[in-house]
Amino acid sequence: MSDPKNVLVLCTGNSCRSQLMHGYLAQLLGDKATVYSAGIETHGVNPRAVAVMQEDGLDIAHHTSNHVDEYAAVPFDYVITVCDNAREACPVFPSSATQLHHNFPDPAKATGTEAEVMAQFRAVRDQVKAYAQNFQRQYFS
C-alpha cells in the first residue's frame, strides 16, 4: 500500500466548515490519508458543529482549532479551501498540492431562533458531507 496522502482543509476560523469537512474526510479516507484542518485565524471549534456531527454519528469534540502556519512543514497532496475568504487569504502552498475550492455558507453567521440556526448548521453539514463523498470517489477510489 502506498503512503497515506496529506489533506488540508482550510477555512477562515477553523471552527465550523473546515471541522465538518475534516470529520467526514477522516472517516471516509481512513488510513488512505491523514486529514488536517486549519484556519487563517483560530476561533475554537463551534459547539453547534460538534452537535450536528454527533447527530450524524461522528464525534469531532476532540478536534482543535489550528492555525495554518502550524502545518507549514507538512507536504500536502490536497488543499481544500471551504470559504472564499480562506482562498483569497491562503498562504501559498507548494505547487505539488492539488488545490480545490468550494465556498460553503458559514453556519456561524446564521440568525434566528435556535431551531433555525441549527437548521442552517445541518444544511451546511449535509452539503459538506456530499462534497467529502464526491472528493473521496474522485481522488481515492
C-alpha atoms as a PDB file:
ATOM      1  CA  MET A   1       0.000   0.000   0.000  1.00  0.00           C
ATOM      2  CA  SER A   2       1.233   3.478  -0.804  1.00  0.00           C
ATOM      3  CA  ASP A   3       1.927   6.061   1.846  1.00  0.00           C
ATOM      4  CA  PRO A   4      -1.130   7.944   3.063  1.00  0.00           C
ATOM      5  CA  LYS A   5      -1.808  11.267   1.383  1.00  0.00           C
ATOM      6  CA  ASN A   6      -1.881  14.509   3.381  1.00  0.00           C
ATOM      7  CA  VAL A   7      -5.093  16.508   3.050  1.00  0.00           C
ATOM      8  CA  LEU A   8      -5.542  20.024   4.454  1.00  0.00           C
ATOM      9  CA  VAL A   9      -8.971  21.615   4.829  1.00  0.00           C
ATOM     10  CA  LEU A  10      -8.670  25.368   5.152  1.00  0.00           C
ATOM     11  CA  CYS A  11     -11.243  27.900   6.342  1.00  0.00           C
ATOM     12  CA  THR A  12     -11.250  31.319   7.954  1.00  0.00           C
ATOM     13  CA  GLY A  13     -11.503  30.395  11.637  1.00  0.00           C
ATOM     14  CA  ASN A  14     -11.222  26.576  11.660  1.00  0.00           C
ATOM     15  CA  SER A  15     -14.386  26.425  13.763  1.00  0.00           C
ATOM     16  CA  CYS A  16     -17.234  25.117  11.558  1.00  0.00           C
ATOM     17  CA  ARG A  17     -16.927  24.303   7.860  1.00  0.00           C
ATOM     18  CA  SER A  18     -13.354  23.009   7.922  1.00  0.00           C
ATOM     19  CA  GLN A  19     -14.111  20.994  11.064  1.00  0.00           C
ATOM     20  CA  LEU A  20     -17.130  19.357   9.401  1.00  0.00           C
ATOM     21  CA  MET A  21     -15.065  18.503   6.312  1.00  0.00           C
ATOM     22  CA  HIS A  22     -12.188  17.237   8.462  1.00  0.00           C
ATOM     23  CA  GLY A  23     -14.558  14.887  10.280  1.00  0.00           C
ATOM     24  CA  TYR A  24     -16.097  13.451   7.119  1.00  0.00           C
ATOM     25  CA  LEU A  25     -12.817  13.097   5.227  1.00  0.00           C
ATOM     26  CA  ALA A  26     -11.123  11.383   8.169  1.00  0.00           C
ATOM     27  CA  GLN A  27     -13.999   8.878   8.293  1.00  0.00           C
ATOM     28  CA  LEU A  28     -14.219   8.336   4.524  1.00  0.00           C
ATOM     29  CA  LEU A  29     -10.497   8.150   3.754  1.00  0.00           C
ATOM     30  CA  GLY A  30      -9.440   6.134   6.795  1.00  0.00           C
ATOM     31  CA  ASP A  31      -5.806   5.049   6.526  1.00  0.00           C
ATOM     32  CA  LYS A  32      -5.512   6.310   2.928  1.00  0.00           C
ATOM     33  CA  ALA A  33      -4.967   9.866   4.167  1.00  0.00           C
ATOM     34  CA  THR A  34      -4.000  11.995   7.118  1.00  0.00           C
ATOM     35  CA  VAL A  35      -6.513  14.829   7.324  1.00  0.00           C
ATOM     36  CA  TYR A  36      -5.664  18.199   8.849  1.00  0.00           C
ATOM     37  CA  SER A  37      -7.811  21.284   9.200  1.00  0.00           C
ATOM     38  CA  ALA A  38      -6.714  24.814   9.874  1.00  0.00           C
ATOM     39  CA  GLY A  39      -7.739  28.424   9.632  1.00  0.00           C
ATOM     40  CA  ILE A  40      -6.101  31.663   8.709  1.00  0.00           C
ATOM     41  CA  GLU A  41      -7.345  32.591  12.212  1.00  0.00           C
ATOM     42  CA  THR A  42      -8.395  30.327  15.094  1.00  0.00           C
ATOM     43  CA  HIS A  43     -11.858  30.731  16.577  1.00  0.00           C
ATOM     44  CA  GLY A  44     -12.172  27.459  18.514  1.00  0.00           C
ATOM     45  CA  VAL A  45     -14.371  24.538  17.470  1.00  0.00           C
ATOM     46  CA  ASN A  46     -18.002  25.645  17.309  1.00  0.00           C
ATOM     47  CA  PRO A  47     -20.165  23.618  19.747  1.00  0.00           C
ATOM     48  CA  ARG A  48     -23.022  23.531  17.212  1.00  0.00           C
ATOM     49  CA  ALA A  49     -20.672  21.962  14.642  1.00  0.00           C
ATOM     50  CA  VAL A  50     -19.848  19.281  17.216  1.00  0.00           C
ATOM     51  CA  ALA A  51     -23.581  18.775  17.883  1.00  0.00           C
ATOM     52  CA  VAL A  52     -24.647  18.353  14.240  1.00  0.00           C
ATOM     53  CA  MET A  53     -21.799  15.921  13.591  1.00  0.00           C
ATOM     54  CA  GLN A  54     -22.847  13.866  16.633  1.00  0.00           C
ATOM     55  CA  GLU A  55     -26.336  13.705  15.084  1.00  0.00           C
ATOM     56  CA  ASP A  56     -24.690  12.047  12.065  1.00  0.00           C
ATOM     57  CA  GLY A  57     -22.667   9.645  14.201  1.00  0.00           C
ATOM     58  CA  LEU A  58     -19.293  11.429  14.093  1.00  0.00           C
ATOM     59  CA  ASP A  59     -17.504  12.760  17.152  1.00  0.00           C
ATOM     60  CA  ILE A  60     -15.362  15.829  16.451  1.00  0.00           C
ATOM     61  CA  ALA A  61     -15.397  17.053  20.067  1.00  0.00           C
ATOM     62  CA  HIS A  62     -11.665  16.216  20.327  1.00  0.00           C
ATOM     63  CA  HIS A  63     -10.772  18.442  17.346  1.00  0.00           C
ATOM     64  CA  THR A  64      -8.771  21.585  17.954  1.00  0.00           C
ATOM     65  CA  SER A  65      -8.788  24.885  16.106  1.00  0.00           C
ATOM     66  CA  ASN A  66      -5.388  25.202  14.432  1.00  0.00           C
ATOM     67  CA  HIS A  67      -3.623  27.994  12.568  1.00  0.00           C
ATOM     68  CA  VAL A  68      -2.414  27.145   9.070  1.00  0.00           C
ATOM     69  CA  ASP A  69       1.141  28.205   9.977  1.00  0.00           C
ATOM     70  CA  GLU A  70       1.358  25.172  12.290  1.00  0.00           C
ATOM     71  CA  TYR A  71       1.419  22.941   9.200  1.00  0.00           C
ATOM     72  CA  ALA A  72       3.949  24.856   7.117  1.00  0.00           C
ATOM     73  CA  ALA A  73       6.307  21.859   7.065  1.00  0.00           C
ATOM     74  CA  VAL A  74       3.689  19.262   6.058  1.00  0.00           C
ATOM     75  CA  PRO A  75       3.866  18.205   2.380  1.00  0.00           C
ATOM     76  CA  PHE A  76       0.198  18.352   1.420  1.00  0.00           C
ATOM     77  CA  ASP A  77      -1.175  16.407  -1.521  1.00  0.00           C
ATOM     78  CA  TYR A  78      -4.539  18.199  -1.422  1.00  0.00           C
ATOM     79  CA  VAL A  79      -5.530  21.595  -0.063  1.00  0.00           C
ATOM     80  CA  ILE A  80      -9.282  22.207   0.064  1.00  0.00           C
ATOM     81  CA  THR A  81     -10.481  25.715   0.866  1.00  0.00           C
ATOM     82  CA  VAL A  82     -14.075  25.777   2.079  1.00  0.00           C
ATOM     83  CA  CYS A  83     -14.708  29.535   2.013  1.00  0.00           C
ATOM     84  CA  ASP A  84     -13.792  32.370  -0.326  1.00  0.00           C
ATOM     85  CA  ASN A  85     -12.030  34.310   2.432  1.00  0.00           C
ATOM     86  CA  ALA A  86      -9.603  31.449   3.065  1.00  0.00           C
ATOM     87  CA  ARG A  87      -8.912  31.035  -0.639  1.00  0.00           C
ATOM     88  CA  GLU A  88      -8.126  34.727  -1.009  1.00  0.00           C
ATOM     89  CA  ALA A  89      -6.017  34.941   2.153  1.00  0.00           C
ATOM     90  CA  CYS A  90      -4.499  31.482   1.906  1.00  0.00           C
ATOM     91  CA  PRO A  91      -0.740  31.249   2.159  1.00  0.00           C
ATOM     92  CA  VAL A  92       0.958  29.882  -0.913  1.00  0.00           C
ATOM     93  CA  PHE A  93       1.423  26.130  -0.745  1.00  0.00           C
ATOM     94  CA  PRO A  94       3.893  24.166  -2.831  1.00  0.00           C
ATOM     95  CA  SER A  95       2.527  23.759  -6.335  1.00  0.00           C
ATOM     96  CA  SER A  96       2.604  19.980  -5.955  1.00  0.00           C
ATOM     97  CA  ALA A  97      -0.592  20.144  -3.874  1.00  0.00           C
ATOM     98  CA  THR A  98      -3.858  19.782  -5.764  1.00  0.00           C
ATOM     99  CA  GLN A  99      -5.849  22.843  -4.730  1.00  0.00           C
ATOM    100  CA  LEU A 100      -9.625  22.558  -4.600  1.00  0.00           C
ATOM    101  CA  HIS A 101     -12.204  25.121  -3.574  1.00  0.00           C
ATOM    102  CA  HIS A 102     -15.866  25.191  -2.627  1.00  0.00           C
ATOM    103  CA  ASN A 103     -17.486  28.159  -0.890  1.00  0.00           C
ATOM    104  CA  PHE A 104     -19.868  26.764   1.718  1.00  0.00           C
ATOM    105  CA  PRO A 105     -22.186  29.158   3.577  1.00  0.00           C
ATOM    106  CA  ASP A 106     -20.944  29.999   7.085  1.00  0.00           C
ATOM    107  CA  PRO A 107     -23.408  28.497   9.583  1.00  0.00           C
ATOM    108  CA  ALA A 108     -21.803  30.509  12.401  1.00  0.00           C
ATOM    109  CA  LYS A 109     -23.376  33.595  10.793  1.00  0.00           C
ATOM    110  CA  ALA A 110     -26.886  32.081  10.893  1.00  0.00           C
ATOM    111  CA  THR A 111     -29.501  34.121  12.734  1.00  0.00           C
ATOM    112  CA  GLY A 112     -32.950  33.392  14.114  1.00  0.00           C
ATOM    113  CA  THR A 113     -34.228  31.004  16.736  1.00  0.00           C
ATOM    114  CA  GLU A 114     -32.014  28.187  17.991  1.00  0.00           C
ATOM    115  CA  ALA A 115     -34.027  25.792  15.795  1.00  0.00           C
ATOM    116  CA  GLU A 116     -33.447  27.996  12.718  1.00  0.00           C
ATOM    117  CA  VAL A 117     -29.726  28.313  13.449  1.00  0.00           C
ATOM    118  CA  MET A 118     -29.389  24.547  13.941  1.00  0.00           C
ATOM    119  CA  ALA A 119     -31.248  24.012  10.652  1.00  0.00           C
ATOM    120  CA  GLN A 120     -28.556  26.113   8.932  1.00  0.00           C
ATOM    121  CA  PHE A 121     -25.817  24.054  10.576  1.00  0.00           C
ATOM    122  CA  ARG A 122     -27.490  20.831   9.399  1.00  0.00           C
ATOM    123  CA  ALA A 123     -27.885  22.165   5.851  1.00  0.00           C
ATOM    124  CA  VAL A 124     -24.199  23.095   5.646  1.00  0.00           C
ATOM    125  CA  ARG A 125     -23.211  19.772   7.264  1.00  0.00           C
ATOM    126  CA  ASP A 126     -25.136  17.913   4.562  1.00  0.00           C
ATOM    127  CA  GLN A 127     -23.507  19.975   1.774  1.00  0.00           C
ATOM    128  CA  VAL A 128     -20.060  19.314   3.268  1.00  0.00           C
ATOM    129  CA  LYS A 129     -20.797  15.586   3.575  1.00  0.00           C
ATOM    130  CA  ALA A 130     -21.824  15.378  -0.099  1.00  0.00           C
ATOM    131  CA  TYR A 131     -18.649  17.238  -1.131  1.00  0.00           C
ATOM    132  CA  ALA A 132     -16.480  14.924   1.017  1.00  0.00           C
ATOM    133  CA  GLN A 133     -18.100  11.845  -0.537  1.00  0.00           C
ATOM    134  CA  ASN A 134     -17.506  13.208  -4.048  1.00  0.00           C
ATOM    135  CA  PHE A 135     -13.880  14.038  -3.172  1.00  0.00           C
ATOM    136  CA  GLN A 136     -13.339  10.503  -1.860  1.00  0.00           C
ATOM    137  CA  ARG A 137     -14.837   8.968  -5.011  1.00  0.00           C
ATOM    138  CA  GLN A 138     -12.902  11.222  -7.355  1.00  0.00           C
ATOM    139  CA  TYR A 139      -9.460  11.074  -5.739  1.00  0.00           C
ATOM    140  CA  PHE A 140      -9.347   7.942  -3.574  1.00  0.00           C
ATOM    141  CA  SER A 141     -11.394   5.185  -5.221  1.00  0.00           C
END
